[in-house]
Amino acid sequence: MTKTLLAVDGNSLIHRSFHALLGSQLHTRDGRPTWAVKGALSQILGAVDRVAADAVVIGFDDAAGNHRKAAHPHYKAHRAPKPDDLVTQLALAVDVFWSAGLHVVIPDGLEADDVLASAAATATAAGWHTVVCTSDRDAFALVTETTSALRIINGGVEASPVLTPARLRTMLGIDPWQYRQYAAMRGDASDNLTGIRGIGEKTGVALLDAFGSVEAAFADVDTNGGARVAEVVGKACVKKLSDPDGRAAFWQNVELMTMHTDVDLGIDLGATSGPGLLPVDRATLHDALAAVEMHSLQWLAARVLAGASGDGHVAAPVVPAAAAPAPVPAAVGPAVGPAVEDELTLF
């Protein structure tokens, strides 16, 4: 039976949980904000359970530097600074996940997307299936016959679609291997990336459906006066595809949206135990959650990650937890009085 690697976009889940659960203002008794960490962990547990994962890797952006931003200063330049409580919880999440025995990868100068792409490549080479878990549409480009995308939307893990090549084509009208060019054409306002002006979603789909690639559409414009382009989407589009600035923006977007597939994940999918492989050590997991007062997640986490059965006994062999790096210091938030951990309804 084919094994499954769950590759999680840690930044995506923490950001989503931060805003969705902001009203809970869940803190530990010593004042650390934890609502986003708890929300993200709840989603990870749900995803592991839903896809019956045999291994888990969680990627985070490198907060110390970003090669894409260094090469293209406009990339994400419009974003406001992160709220202090979000910065705190991004760091705390890394600490909590590592301490719980989960495998976290922070690639030097790269982003969580690069971890997901590398996980998919590594798993495919090992004969595994991959499920990438994120709320970011960029992951659509990773979907293949051996990689699916669990896209977290409102309603939580159970309400979120698991996208395969056929489902993605039904949803968008294009194949996964065309998605990067589709996104590069229309741009991405959230990343401060303009595309080819005047080319929106419908036009982009029509062009890719007719030509297969943007290069083929450019070639029609350059060698045939855009006759086929005009036939498919109208004469106005010929001028848009002829614009040098539009073409430059497109190719720059393709470069920025291309994910690295060579990140060293530090996992051995041929092993029977080790970093990333489940189950994790139950005592280690319990202590990590207790340290941040996430008592209500203990039973589910033990069952999903440590193989504990309903009677509290461990149903699968317990393996040593992966060695954790030095804990990431987390800033202490304002004192808010004794914390009462509520059962949080996610999204």
C-alpha atoms as a PDB file:
ATOM      1  CA  MET A   1       0.000   0.000   0.000  1.00  0.00           C
ATOM      2  CA  THR A   2       1.356   3.430  -0.954  1.00  0.00           C
ATOM      3  CA  LYS A   3       2.386   5.531   2.031  1.00  0.00           C
ATOM      4  CA  THR A   4       1.438   9.185   2.415  1.00  0.00           C
ATOM      5  CA  LEU A   5       3.568  12.184   3.349  1.00  0.00           C
ATOM      6  CA  LEU A   6       1.661  15.210   4.631  1.00  0.00           C
ATOM      7  CA  ALA A   7       3.544  18.418   3.811  1.00  0.00           C
ATOM      8  CA  VAL A   8       2.185  21.405   5.742  1.00  0.00           C
ATOM      9  CA  ASP A   9       2.597  25.109   5.021  1.00  0.00           C
ATOM     10  CA  GLY A  10       3.155  26.284   8.593  1.00  0.00           C
ATOM     11  CA  ASN A  11       3.074  29.986   7.761  1.00  0.00           C
ATOM     12  CA  SER A  12      -0.217  29.639   5.920  1.00  0.00           C
ATOM     13  CA  LEU A  13      -1.952  27.799   8.757  1.00  0.00           C
ATOM     14  CA  ILE A  14      -0.625  30.113  11.478  1.00  0.00           C
ATOM     15  CA  HIS A  15      -1.690  33.239   9.554  1.00  0.00           C
ATOM     16  CA  ARG A  16      -5.132  31.827   8.861  1.00  0.00           C
ATOM     17  CA  SER A  17      -5.664  30.739  12.458  1.00  0.00           C
ATOM     18  CA  PHE A  18      -4.356  34.039  13.796  1.00  0.00           C
ATOM     19  CA  HIS A  19      -7.066  36.030  12.029  1.00  0.00           C
ATOM     20  CA  ALA A  20      -9.849  33.459  12.292  1.00  0.00           C
ATOM     21  CA  LEU A  21      -9.445  32.964  16.039  1.00  0.00           C
ATOM     22  CA  LEU A  22      -8.343  36.468  16.988  1.00  0.00           C
ATOM     23  CA  GLY A  23     -11.456  36.989  19.076  1.00  0.00           C
ATOM     24  CA  SER A  24     -10.578  34.104  21.400  1.00  0.00           C
ATOM     25  CA  GLN A  25      -7.416  35.851  22.650  1.00  0.00           C
ATOM     26  CA  LEU A  26      -6.213  32.528  24.063  1.00  0.00           C
ATOM     27  CA  HIS A  27      -3.069  32.989  26.177  1.00  0.00           C
ATOM     28  CA  THR A  28      -1.095  30.849  28.576  1.00  0.00           C
ATOM     29  CA  ARG A  29      -1.124  31.802  32.230  1.00  0.00           C
ATOM     30  CA  ASP A  30       2.249  33.494  31.836  1.00  0.00           C
ATOM     31  CA  GLY A  31       0.859  35.707  29.058  1.00  0.00           C
ATOM     32  CA  ARG A  32       1.980  34.022  25.816  1.00  0.00           C
ATOM     33  CA  PRO A  33      -0.597  34.257  22.980  1.00  0.00           C
ATOM     34  CA  THR A  34      -1.411  30.784  21.678  1.00  0.00           C
ATOM     35  CA  TRP A  35      -4.660  30.951  19.702  1.00  0.00           C
ATOM     36  CA  ALA A  36      -2.986  30.734  16.282  1.00  0.00           C
ATOM     37  CA  VAL A  37      -0.697  27.900  17.384  1.00  0.00           C
ATOM     38  CA  LYS A  38      -3.609  25.919  18.756  1.00  0.00           C
ATOM     39  CA  GLY A  39      -5.701  26.545  15.651  1.00  0.00           C
ATOM     40  CA  ALA A  40      -2.882  25.463  13.322  1.00  0.00           C
ATOM     41  CA  LEU A  41      -2.130  22.364  15.386  1.00  0.00           C
ATOM     42  CA  SER A  42      -5.815  21.425  15.357  1.00  0.00           C
ATOM     43  CA  GLN A  43      -5.782  21.638  11.561  1.00  0.00           C
ATOM     44  CA  ILE A  44      -2.609  19.557  11.325  1.00  0.00           C
ATOM     45  CA  LEU A  45      -4.153  16.879  13.526  1.00  0.00           C
ATOM     46  CA  GLY A  46      -7.286  16.907  11.385  1.00  0.00           C
ATOM     47  CA  ALA A  47      -5.238  16.645   8.189  1.00  0.00           C
ATOM     48  CA  VAL A  48      -3.093  13.779   9.484  1.00  0.00           C
ATOM     49  CA  ASP A  49      -6.257  11.942  10.480  1.00  0.00           C
ATOM     50  CA  ARG A  50      -8.090  12.658   7.225  1.00  0.00           C
ATOM     51  CA  VAL A  51      -5.336  11.507   4.851  1.00  0.00           C
ATOM     52  CA  ALA A  52      -3.979   8.752   7.142  1.00  0.00           C
ATOM     53  CA  ALA A  53      -0.485  10.228   6.926  1.00  0.00           C
ATOM     54  CA  ASP A  54       2.538   8.037   7.600  1.00  0.00           C
ATOM     55  CA  ALA A  55       4.874  11.014   7.876  1.00  0.00           C
ATOM     56  CA  VAL A  56       4.587  14.770   8.404  1.00  0.00           C
ATOM     57  CA  VAL A  57       6.862  17.652   7.487  1.00  0.00           C
ATOM     58  CA  ILE A  58       5.983  21.251   8.372  1.00  0.00           C
ATOM     59  CA  GLY A  59       7.603  24.076   6.415  1.00  0.00           C
ATOM     60  CA  PHE A  60       8.071  27.657   7.567  1.00  0.00           C
ATOM     61  CA  ASP A  61       9.474  30.723   5.804  1.00  0.00           C
ATOM     62  CA  ASP A  62      12.967  31.769   6.795  1.00  0.00           C
ATOM     63  CA  ALA A  63      12.259  34.907   8.842  1.00  0.00           C
ATOM     64  CA  ALA A  64      15.941  35.907   8.733  1.00  0.00           C
ATOM     65  CA  GLY A  65      16.134  36.470   4.979  1.00  0.00           C
ATOM     66  CA  ASN A  66      14.427  35.855   1.667  1.00  0.00           C
ATOM     67  CA  HIS A  67      16.299  35.280  -1.592  1.00  0.00           C
ATOM     68  CA  ARG A  68      13.293  36.264  -3.693  1.00  0.00           C
ATOM     69  CA  LYS A  69      12.917  39.591  -1.916  1.00  0.00           C
ATOM     70  CA  ALA A  70      16.643  40.253  -2.215  1.00  0.00           C
ATOM     71  CA  ALA A  71      16.537  39.713  -5.981  1.00  0.00           C
ATOM     72  CA  HIS A  72      13.199  41.483  -6.490  1.00  0.00           C
ATOM     73  CA  PRO A  73      12.662  44.147  -3.783  1.00  0.00           C
ATOM     74  CA  HIS A  74       9.058  44.782  -4.857  1.00  0.00           C
ATOM     75  CA  TYR A  75       8.080  41.201  -3.970  1.00  0.00           C
ATOM     76  CA  LYS A  76       5.637  41.412  -1.027  1.00  0.00           C
ATOM     77  CA  ALA A  77       6.978  44.933  -0.353  1.00  0.00           C
ATOM     78  CA  HIS A  78       3.509  46.394   0.178  1.00  0.00           C
ATOM     79  CA  ARG A  79       2.679  44.204   3.150  1.00  0.00           C
ATOM     80  CA  ALA A  80       2.320  45.880   6.516  1.00  0.00           C
ATOM     81  CA  PRO A  81       4.533  44.664   9.363  1.00  0.00           C
ATOM     82  CA  LYS A  82       3.136  41.610  11.124  1.00  0.00           C
ATOM     83  CA  PRO A  83       1.362  42.216  14.445  1.00  0.00           C
ATOM     84  CA  ASP A  84       3.574  41.421  17.425  1.00  0.00           C
ATOM     85  CA  ASP A  85       1.270  38.614  18.550  1.00  0.00           C
ATOM     86  CA  LEU A  86       1.550  36.996  15.105  1.00  0.00           C
ATOM     87  CA  VAL A  87       5.358  37.188  15.113  1.00  0.00           C
ATOM     88  CA  THR A  88       5.361  35.680  18.600  1.00  0.00           C
ATOM     89  CA  GLN A  89       3.123  32.809  17.577  1.00  0.00           C
ATOM     90  CA  LEU A  90       5.050  32.019  14.407  1.00  0.00           C
ATOM     91  CA  ALA A  91       8.132  31.518  16.570  1.00  0.00           C
ATOM     92  CA  LEU A  92       6.202  29.684  19.266  1.00  0.00           C
ATOM     93  CA  ALA A  93       4.671  27.317  16.702  1.00  0.00           C
ATOM     94  CA  VAL A  94       8.118  26.197  15.551  1.00  0.00           C
ATOM     95  CA  ASP A  95       9.111  25.556  19.170  1.00  0.00           C
ATOM     96  CA  VAL A  96       5.892  23.713  20.044  1.00  0.00           C
ATOM     97  CA  PHE A  97       5.863  21.548  16.915  1.00  0.00           C
ATOM     98  CA  TRP A  98       9.519  20.571  17.333  1.00  0.00           C
ATOM     99  CA  SER A  99       9.041  19.874  21.017  1.00  0.00           C
ATOM    100  CA  ALA A 100       6.042  17.668  20.203  1.00  0.00           C
ATOM    101  CA  GLY A 101       8.194  15.488  17.955  1.00  0.00           C
ATOM    102  CA  LEU A 102       6.952  16.868  14.638  1.00  0.00           C
ATOM    103  CA  HIS A 103       9.480  17.602  11.905  1.00  0.00           C
ATOM    104  CA  VAL A 104       9.908  21.295  11.041  1.00  0.00           C
ATOM    105  CA  VAL A 105      11.976  22.559   8.104  1.00  0.00           C
ATOM    106  CA  ILE A 106      12.983  26.213   7.708  1.00  0.00           C
ATOM    107  CA  PRO A 107      14.979  26.493   4.453  1.00  0.00           C
ATOM    108  CA  ASP A 108      17.765  29.061   4.345  1.00  0.00           C
ATOM    109  CA  GLY A 109      16.497  32.139   2.506  1.00  0.00           C
ATOM    110  CA  LEU A 110      13.447  30.322   1.156  1.00  0.00           C
ATOM    111  CA  GLU A 111       9.779  29.844   1.970  1.00  0.00           C
ATOM    112  CA  ALA A 112       7.353  27.182   3.143  1.00  0.00           C
ATOM    113  CA  ASP A 113       6.236  26.688  -0.487  1.00  0.00           C
ATOM    114  CA  ASP A 114       9.744  25.452  -1.288  1.00  0.00           C
ATOM    115  CA  VAL A 115       9.473  22.877   1.488  1.00  0.00           C
ATOM    116  CA  LEU A 116       6.162  21.644   0.059  1.00  0.00           C
ATOM    117  CA  ALA A 117       7.625  21.357  -3.456  1.00  0.00           C
ATOM    118  CA  SER A 118      10.692  19.539  -2.167  1.00  0.00           C
ATOM    119  CA  ALA A 119       8.528  17.207  -0.086  1.00  0.00           C
ATOM    120  CA  ALA A 120       6.471  16.314  -3.156  1.00  0.00           C
ATOM    121  CA  ALA A 121       9.617  15.610  -5.194  1.00  0.00           C
ATOM    122  CA  THR A 122      11.192  13.572  -2.390  1.00  0.00           C
ATOM    123  CA  ALA A 123       8.063  11.519  -1.764  1.00  0.00           C
ATOM    124  CA  THR A 124       7.467  10.822  -5.451  1.00  0.00           C
ATOM    125  CA  ALA A 125      11.054   9.590  -5.837  1.00  0.00           C
ATOM    126  CA  ALA A 126      10.512   7.264  -2.862  1.00  0.00           C
ATOM    127  CA  GLY A 127       7.261   5.869  -4.252  1.00  0.00           C
ATOM    128  CA  TRP A 128       5.095   7.698  -1.711  1.00  0.00           C
ATOM    129  CA  HIS A 129       2.025   9.864  -2.235  1.00  0.00           C
ATOM    130  CA  THR A 130       2.103  13.483  -1.009  1.00  0.00           C
ATOM    131  CA  VAL A 131      -0.702  15.661   0.292  1.00  0.00           C
ATOM    132  CA  VAL A 132       0.269  19.323   0.593  1.00  0.00           C
ATOM    133  CA  CYS A 133      -1.781  21.181   3.183  1.00  0.00           C
ATOM    134  CA  THR A 134      -2.143  24.942   2.779  1.00  0.00           C
ATOM    135  CA  SER A 135      -4.643  27.722   2.156  1.00  0.00           C
ATOM    136  CA  ASP A 136      -2.395  29.161  -0.585  1.00  0.00           C
ATOM    137  CA  ARG A 137      -3.412  28.583  -4.216  1.00  0.00           C
ATOM    138  CA  ASP A 138       0.245  28.460  -5.325  1.00  0.00           C
ATOM    139  CA  ALA A 139       0.227  24.808  -4.261  1.00  0.00           C
ATOM    140  CA  PHE A 140      -2.080  24.006  -7.197  1.00  0.00           C
ATOM    141  CA  ALA A 141       1.052  23.952  -9.370  1.00  0.00           C
ATOM    142  CA  LEU A 142       2.329  20.968  -7.375  1.00  0.00           C
ATOM    143  CA  VAL A 143      -0.652  18.723  -8.073  1.00  0.00           C
ATOM    144  CA  THR A 144       0.183  15.570 -10.041  1.00  0.00           C
ATOM    145  CA  GLU A 145      -0.932  11.952 -10.076  1.00  0.00           C
ATOM    146  CA  THR A 146       1.256  11.432  -6.985  1.00  0.00           C
ATOM    147  CA  THR A 147       0.613  14.763  -5.222  1.00  0.00           C
ATOM    148  CA  SER A 148      -2.725  16.129  -4.027  1.00  0.00           C
ATOM    149  CA  ALA A 149      -3.506  19.483  -2.426  1.00  0.00           C
ATOM    150  CA  LEU A 150      -5.629  19.790   0.709  1.00  0.00           C
ATOM    151  CA  ARG A 151      -6.592  23.453   0.446  1.00  0.00           C
ATOM    152  CA  ILE A 152      -7.815  24.769   3.784  1.00  0.00           C
ATOM    153  CA  ILE A 153     -10.888  26.955   3.369  1.00  0.00           C
ATOM    154  CA  ASN A 154     -13.702  28.147   5.615  1.00  0.00           C
ATOM    155  CA  GLY A 155     -15.157  25.175   7.424  1.00  0.00           C
ATOM    156  CA  GLY A 156     -11.837  23.627   8.455  1.00  0.00           C
ATOM    157  CA  VAL A 157     -10.122  20.459   7.333  1.00  0.00           C
ATOM    158  CA  GLU A 158     -13.227  18.338   6.892  1.00  0.00           C
ATOM    159  CA  ALA A 159     -14.885  20.941   4.643  1.00  0.00           C
ATOM    160  CA  SER A 160     -11.748  21.544   2.566  1.00  0.00           C
ATOM    161  CA  PRO A 161     -11.246  19.959  -0.853  1.00  0.00           C
ATOM    162  CA  VAL A 162      -8.494  17.500  -1.692  1.00  0.00           C
ATOM    163  CA  LEU A 163      -7.523  18.487  -5.223  1.00  0.00           C
ATOM    164  CA  THR A 164      -6.301  16.012  -7.814  1.00  0.00           C
ATOM    165  CA  PRO A 165      -5.430  16.834 -11.445  1.00  0.00           C
ATOM    166  CA  ALA A 166      -8.958  15.982 -12.593  1.00  0.00           C
ATOM    167  CA  ARG A 167     -10.622  17.994  -9.831  1.00  0.00           C
ATOM    168  CA  LEU A 168      -8.380  20.991 -10.455  1.00  0.00           C
ATOM    169  CA  ARG A 169      -9.235  20.961 -14.153  1.00  0.00           C
ATOM    170  CA  THR A 170     -12.926  20.805 -13.312  1.00  0.00           C
ATOM    171  CA  MET A 171     -12.543  23.722 -10.901  1.00  0.00           C
ATOM    172  CA  LEU A 172     -10.296  26.020 -12.962  1.00  0.00           C
ATOM    173  CA  GLY A 173     -10.457  24.738 -16.530  1.00  0.00           C
ATOM    174  CA  ILE A 174      -6.691  24.179 -16.753  1.00  0.00           C
ATOM    175  CA  ASP A 175      -4.256  21.422 -15.832  1.00  0.00           C
ATOM    176  CA  PRO A 176      -1.969  21.728 -12.782  1.00  0.00           C
ATOM    177  CA  TRP A 177       1.157  22.028 -14.918  1.00  0.00           C
ATOM    178  CA  GLN A 178      -0.379  25.144 -16.490  1.00  0.00           C
ATOM    179  CA  TYR A 179      -1.247  26.794 -13.187  1.00  0.00           C
ATOM    180  CA  ARG A 180       2.033  28.657 -12.699  1.00  0.00           C
ATOM    181  CA  GLN A 181       1.733  30.353 -16.102  1.00  0.00           C
ATOM    182  CA  TYR A 182      -1.924  31.094 -15.421  1.00  0.00           C
ATOM    183  CA  ALA A 183      -1.003  32.779 -12.125  1.00  0.00           C
ATOM    184  CA  ALA A 184       1.923  34.621 -13.718  1.00  0.00           C
ATOM    185  CA  MET A 185      -0.344  36.061 -16.426  1.00  0.00           C
ATOM    186  CA  ARG A 186      -2.946  37.459 -14.054  1.00  0.00           C
ATOM    187  CA  GLY A 187      -0.451  38.452 -11.335  1.00  0.00           C
ATOM    188  CA  ASP A 188      -0.910  38.210  -7.592  1.00  0.00           C
ATOM    189  CA  ALA A 189      -1.924  41.322  -5.679  1.00  0.00           C
ATOM    190  CA  SER A 190      -1.208  39.653  -2.343  1.00  0.00           C
ATOM    191  CA  ASP A 191       2.466  39.348  -3.368  1.00  0.00           C
ATOM    192  CA  ASN A 192       2.550  42.760  -5.102  1.00  0.00           C
ATOM    193  CA  LEU A 193       2.975  41.142  -8.514  1.00  0.00           C
ATOM    194  CA  THR A 194       1.370  42.702 -11.568  1.00  0.00           C
ATOM    195  CA  GLY A 195       0.778  40.403 -14.510  1.00  0.00           C
ATOM    196  CA  ILE A 196       0.003  41.119 -18.146  1.00  0.00           C
ATOM    197  CA  ARG A 197      -2.366  44.048 -17.848  1.00  0.00           C
ATOM    198  CA  GLY A 198      -5.848  43.250 -19.072  1.00  0.00           C
ATOM    199  CA  ILE A 199      -5.374  39.463 -18.866  1.00  0.00           C
ATOM    200  CA  GLY A 200      -7.732  38.144 -16.209  1.00  0.00           C
ATOM    201  CA  GLU A 201      -8.807  34.694 -15.142  1.00  0.00           C
ATOM    202  CA  LYS A 202     -11.217  33.971 -18.016  1.00  0.00           C
ATOM    203  CA  THR A 203      -8.828  35.176 -20.704  1.00  0.00           C
ATOM    204  CA  GLY A 204      -5.938  33.314 -19.115  1.00  0.00           C
ATOM    205  CA  VAL A 205      -7.877  30.048 -19.082  1.00  0.00           C
ATOM    206  CA  ALA A 206      -9.010  30.537 -22.676  1.00  0.00           C
ATOM    207  CA  LEU A 207      -5.445  31.166 -23.870  1.00  0.00           C
ATOM    208  CA  LEU A 208      -4.028  28.144 -22.059  1.00  0.00           C
ATOM    209  CA  ASP A 209      -6.869  25.959 -23.259  1.00  0.00           C
ATOM    210  CA  ALA A 210      -6.258  26.987 -26.865  1.00  0.00           C
ATOM    211  CA  PHE A 211      -2.444  27.183 -26.902  1.00  0.00           C
ATOM    212  CA  GLY A 212      -1.320  24.979 -24.030  1.00  0.00           C
ATOM    213  CA  SER A 213       1.294  27.505 -22.934  1.00  0.00           C
ATOM    214  CA  VAL A 214       1.856  31.253 -22.891  1.00  0.00           C
ATOM    215  CA  GLU A 215       4.985  30.797 -25.015  1.00  0.00           C
ATOM    216  CA  ALA A 216       2.794  29.394 -27.793  1.00  0.00           C
ATOM    217  CA  ALA A 217       0.475  32.400 -27.558  1.00  0.00           C
ATOM    218  CA  PHE A 218       3.475  34.764 -27.695  1.00  0.00           C
ATOM    219  CA  ALA A 219       4.745  32.878 -30.754  1.00  0.00           C
ATOM    220  CA  ASP A 220       1.415  33.354 -32.524  1.00  0.00           C
ATOM    221  CA  VAL A 221       1.634  37.090 -31.878  1.00  0.00           C
ATOM    222  CA  ASP A 222       5.248  37.302 -33.033  1.00  0.00           C
ATOM    223  CA  THR A 223       5.077  35.110 -36.150  1.00  0.00           C
ATOM    224  CA  ASN A 224       1.444  35.173 -37.198  1.00  0.00           C
ATOM    225  CA  GLY A 225       0.333  38.636 -36.183  1.00  0.00           C
ATOM    226  CA  GLY A 226      -1.769  37.135 -33.424  1.00  0.00           C
ATOM    227  CA  ALA A 227      -4.386  35.746 -35.811  1.00  0.00           C
ATOM    228  CA  ARG A 228      -5.132  32.724 -33.649  1.00  0.00           C
ATOM    229  CA  VAL A 229      -5.081  34.794 -30.435  1.00  0.00           C
ATOM    230  CA  ALA A 230      -7.577  37.223 -31.969  1.00  0.00           C
ATOM    231  CA  GLU A 231      -9.790  34.327 -32.985  1.00  0.00           C
ATOM    232  CA  VAL A 232      -9.740  32.832 -29.477  1.00  0.00           C
ATOM    233  CA  VAL A 233      -9.980  35.890 -27.209  1.00  0.00           C
ATOM    234  CA  GLY A 234     -10.300  38.963 -29.451  1.00  0.00           C
ATOM    235  CA  LYS A 235      -8.026  41.453 -31.179  1.00  0.00           C
ATOM    236  CA  ALA A 236      -7.488  43.561 -28.040  1.00  0.00           C
ATOM    237  CA  CYS A 237      -5.605  40.697 -26.438  1.00  0.00           C
ATOM    238  CA  VAL A 238      -3.029  40.677 -29.251  1.00  0.00           C
ATOM    239  CA  LYS A 239      -1.849  44.120 -28.176  1.00  0.00           C
ATOM    240  CA  LYS A 240      -1.744  43.062 -24.531  1.00  0.00           C
ATOM    241  CA  LEU A 241       0.437  40.057 -25.336  1.00  0.00           C
ATOM    242  CA  SER A 242       2.703  42.260 -27.493  1.00  0.00           C
ATOM    243  CA  ASP A 243       3.457  44.698 -24.670  1.00  0.00           C
ATOM    244  CA  PRO A 244       7.139  44.344 -23.617  1.00  0.00           C
ATOM    245  CA  ASP A 245       6.359  45.401 -20.043  1.00  0.00           C
ATOM    246  CA  GLY A 246       3.631  42.792 -19.799  1.00  0.00           C
ATOM    247  CA  ARG A 247       5.940  40.081 -21.069  1.00  0.00           C
ATOM    248  CA  ALA A 248       8.682  41.136 -18.672  1.00  0.00           C
ATOM    249  CA  ALA A 249       6.228  41.033 -15.752  1.00  0.00           C
ATOM    250  CA  PHE A 250       5.037  37.585 -16.838  1.00  0.00           C
ATOM    251  CA  TRP A 251       8.519  36.067 -16.973  1.00  0.00           C
ATOM    252  CA  GLN A 252       9.495  37.703 -13.690  1.00  0.00           C
ATOM    253  CA  ASN A 253       6.372  36.239 -12.086  1.00  0.00           C
ATOM    254  CA  VAL A 254       7.197  32.789 -13.447  1.00  0.00           C
ATOM    255  CA  GLU A 255      10.642  33.074 -11.860  1.00  0.00           C
ATOM    256  CA  LEU A 256       9.248  34.190  -8.504  1.00  0.00           C
ATOM    257  CA  MET A 257       6.501  31.564  -8.508  1.00  0.00           C
ATOM    258  CA  THR A 258       8.798  28.661  -9.369  1.00  0.00           C
ATOM    259  CA  MET A 259       9.375  26.656  -6.197  1.00  0.00           C
ATOM    260  CA  HIS A 260      12.634  24.990  -5.245  1.00  0.00           C
ATOM    261  CA  THR A 261      12.471  21.203  -5.214  1.00  0.00           C
ATOM    262  CA  ASP A 262      15.928  20.554  -3.768  1.00  0.00           C
ATOM    263  CA  VAL A 263      15.518  21.620  -0.135  1.00  0.00           C
ATOM    264  CA  ASP A 264      17.162  19.083   2.172  1.00  0.00           C
ATOM    265  CA  LEU A 265      14.262  17.934   4.331  1.00  0.00           C
ATOM    266  CA  GLY A 266      16.355  15.809   6.667  1.00  0.00           C
ATOM    267  CA  ILE A 267      13.976  12.848   6.381  1.00  0.00           C
ATOM    268  CA  ASP A 268      14.500   9.274   5.222  1.00  0.00           C
ATOM    269  CA  LEU A 269      11.300   7.833   3.797  1.00  0.00           C
ATOM    270  CA  GLY A 270      12.980   4.451   3.473  1.00  0.00           C
ATOM    271  CA  ALA A 271      13.500   4.176   7.221  1.00  0.00           C
ATOM    272  CA  THR A 272      11.109   2.678   9.766  1.00  0.00           C
ATOM    273  CA  SER A 273      11.573   5.496  12.262  1.00  0.00           C
ATOM    274  CA  GLY A 274      13.187   8.896  12.458  1.00  0.00           C
ATOM    275  CA  PRO A 275      12.487  12.565  11.739  1.00  0.00           C
ATOM    276  CA  GLY A 276       9.095  13.134  10.172  1.00  0.00           C
ATOM    277  CA  LEU A 277       7.887   9.552  10.479  1.00  0.00           C
ATOM    278  CA  LEU A 278       4.895   8.661  12.619  1.00  0.00           C
ATOM    279  CA  PRO A 279       4.213   7.773  15.361  1.00  0.00           C
ATOM    280  CA  VAL A 280       5.959  10.283  17.615  1.00  0.00           C
ATOM    281  CA  ASP A 281       6.823   9.630  21.247  1.00  0.00           C
ATOM    282  CA  ARG A 282       3.675   9.985  23.308  1.00  0.00           C
ATOM    283  CA  ALA A 283       5.325  11.350  26.449  1.00  0.00           C
ATOM    284  CA  THR A 284       7.237  13.950  24.459  1.00  0.00           C
ATOM    285  CA  LEU A 285       4.032  14.975  22.707  1.00  0.00           C
ATOM    286  CA  HIS A 286       2.117  15.221  25.995  1.00  0.00           C
ATOM    287  CA  ASP A 287       4.770  17.370  27.649  1.00  0.00           C
ATOM    288  CA  ALA A 288       4.988  19.759  24.677  1.00  0.00           C
ATOM    289  CA  LEU A 289       1.250  20.422  24.694  1.00  0.00           C
ATOM    290  CA  ALA A 290       1.117  20.674  28.475  1.00  0.00           C
ATOM    291  CA  ALA A 291       3.847  23.327  28.385  1.00  0.00           C
ATOM    292  CA  VAL A 292       1.550  25.614  26.392  1.00  0.00           C
ATOM    293  CA  GLU A 293      -1.620  24.520  28.210  1.00  0.00           C
ATOM    294  CA  MET A 294      -3.291  22.883  25.207  1.00  0.00           C
ATOM    295  CA  HIS A 295      -4.932  20.261  27.361  1.00  0.00           C
ATOM    296  CA  SER A 296      -8.023  19.834  25.205  1.00  0.00           C
ATOM    297  CA  LEU A 297      -5.884  18.620  22.272  1.00  0.00           C
ATOM    298  CA  GLN A 298      -4.063  15.946  24.275  1.00  0.00           C
ATOM    299  CA  TRP A 299      -6.312  12.997  23.499  1.00  0.00           C
ATOM    300  CA  LEU A 300      -6.671  13.742  19.775  1.00  0.00           C
ATOM    301  CA  ALA A 301      -2.943  14.420  19.410  1.00  0.00           C
ATOM    302  CA  ALA A 302      -2.069  11.175  21.198  1.00  0.00           C
ATOM    303  CA  ARG A 303      -4.396   9.176  18.959  1.00  0.00           C
ATOM    304  CA  VAL A 304      -3.379  10.829  15.675  1.00  0.00           C
ATOM    305  CA  LEU A 305       0.342  11.380  16.174  1.00  0.00           C
ATOM    306  CA  ALA A 306       1.365   8.785  18.762  1.00  0.00           C
ATOM    307  CA  GLY A 307      -0.958   5.928  17.862  1.00  0.00           C
ATOM    308  CA  ALA A 308      -2.769   5.905  21.204  1.00  0.00           C
ATOM    309  CA  SER A 309      -6.018   3.935  21.263  1.00  0.00           C
ATOM    310  CA  GLY A 310      -9.234   5.066  22.894  1.00  0.00           C
ATOM    311  CA  ASP A 311      -8.382   3.274  26.141  1.00  0.00           C
ATOM    312  CA  GLY A 312      -5.216   5.325  26.507  1.00  0.00           C
ATOM    313  CA  HIS A 313      -2.799   2.572  25.482  1.00  0.00           C
ATOM    314  CA  VAL A 314      -0.311   3.059  22.676  1.00  0.00           C
ATOM    315  CA  ALA A 315      -1.428   0.956  19.744  1.00  0.00           C
ATOM    316  CA  ALA A 316       1.721   1.340  17.669  1.00  0.00           C
ATOM    317  CA  PRO A 317       5.403   1.053  18.619  1.00  0.00           C
ATOM    318  CA  VAL A 318       6.750   4.231  20.121  1.00  0.00           C
ATOM    319  CA  VAL A 319       9.818   5.607  18.395  1.00  0.00           C
ATOM    320  CA  PRO A 320      12.254   8.217  19.724  1.00  0.00           C
ATOM    321  CA  ALA A 321      11.291  11.766  18.881  1.00  0.00           C
ATOM    322  CA  ALA A 322      13.466  13.727  16.494  1.00  0.00           C
ATOM    323  CA  ALA A 323      16.079  15.810  18.218  1.00  0.00           C
ATOM    324  CA  ALA A 324      14.806  19.330  18.523  1.00  0.00           C
ATOM    325  CA  PRO A 325      16.920  22.432  18.002  1.00  0.00           C
ATOM    326  CA  ALA A 326      17.256  25.024  20.699  1.00  0.00           C
ATOM    327  CA  PRO A 327      13.794  26.407  21.431  1.00  0.00           C
ATOM    328  CA  VAL A 328      12.877  29.538  19.553  1.00  0.00           C
ATOM    329  CA  PRO A 329      12.385  32.313  22.112  1.00  0.00           C
ATOM    330  CA  ALA A 330       8.841  33.593  22.170  1.00  0.00           C
ATOM    331  CA  ALA A 331       8.031  37.112  23.284  1.00  0.00           C
ATOM    332  CA  VAL A 332       5.746  37.266  26.272  1.00  0.00           C
ATOM    333  CA  GLY A 333       2.479  39.064  25.666  1.00  0.00           C
ATOM    334  CA  PRO A 334       0.659  41.256  28.122  1.00  0.00           C
ATOM    335  CA  ALA A 335      -0.728  39.589  31.193  1.00  0.00           C
ATOM    336  CA  VAL A 336      -4.370  38.788  30.699  1.00  0.00           C
ATOM    337  CA  GLY A 337      -5.188  36.982  33.909  1.00  0.00           C
ATOM    338  CA  PRO A 338      -5.751  33.244  34.358  1.00  0.00           C
ATOM    339  CA  ALA A 339      -6.286  31.598  31.001  1.00  0.00           C
ATOM    340  CA  VAL A 340      -9.266  29.383  30.460  1.00  0.00           C
ATOM    341  CA  GLU A 341      -8.771  27.104  27.497  1.00  0.00           C
ATOM    342  CA  ASP A 342     -12.022  26.872  25.577  1.00  0.00           C
ATOM    343  CA  GLU A 343     -12.842  24.380  22.890  1.00  0.00           C
ATOM    344  CA  LEU A 344     -12.371  26.567  19.817  1.00  0.00           C
ATOM    345  CA  THR A 345     -14.561  26.201  16.785  1.00  0.00           C
ATOM    346  CA  LEU A 346     -12.309  26.487  13.749  1.00  0.00           C
ATOM    347  CA  PHE A 347     -13.501  28.588  10.813  1.00  0.00           C
END
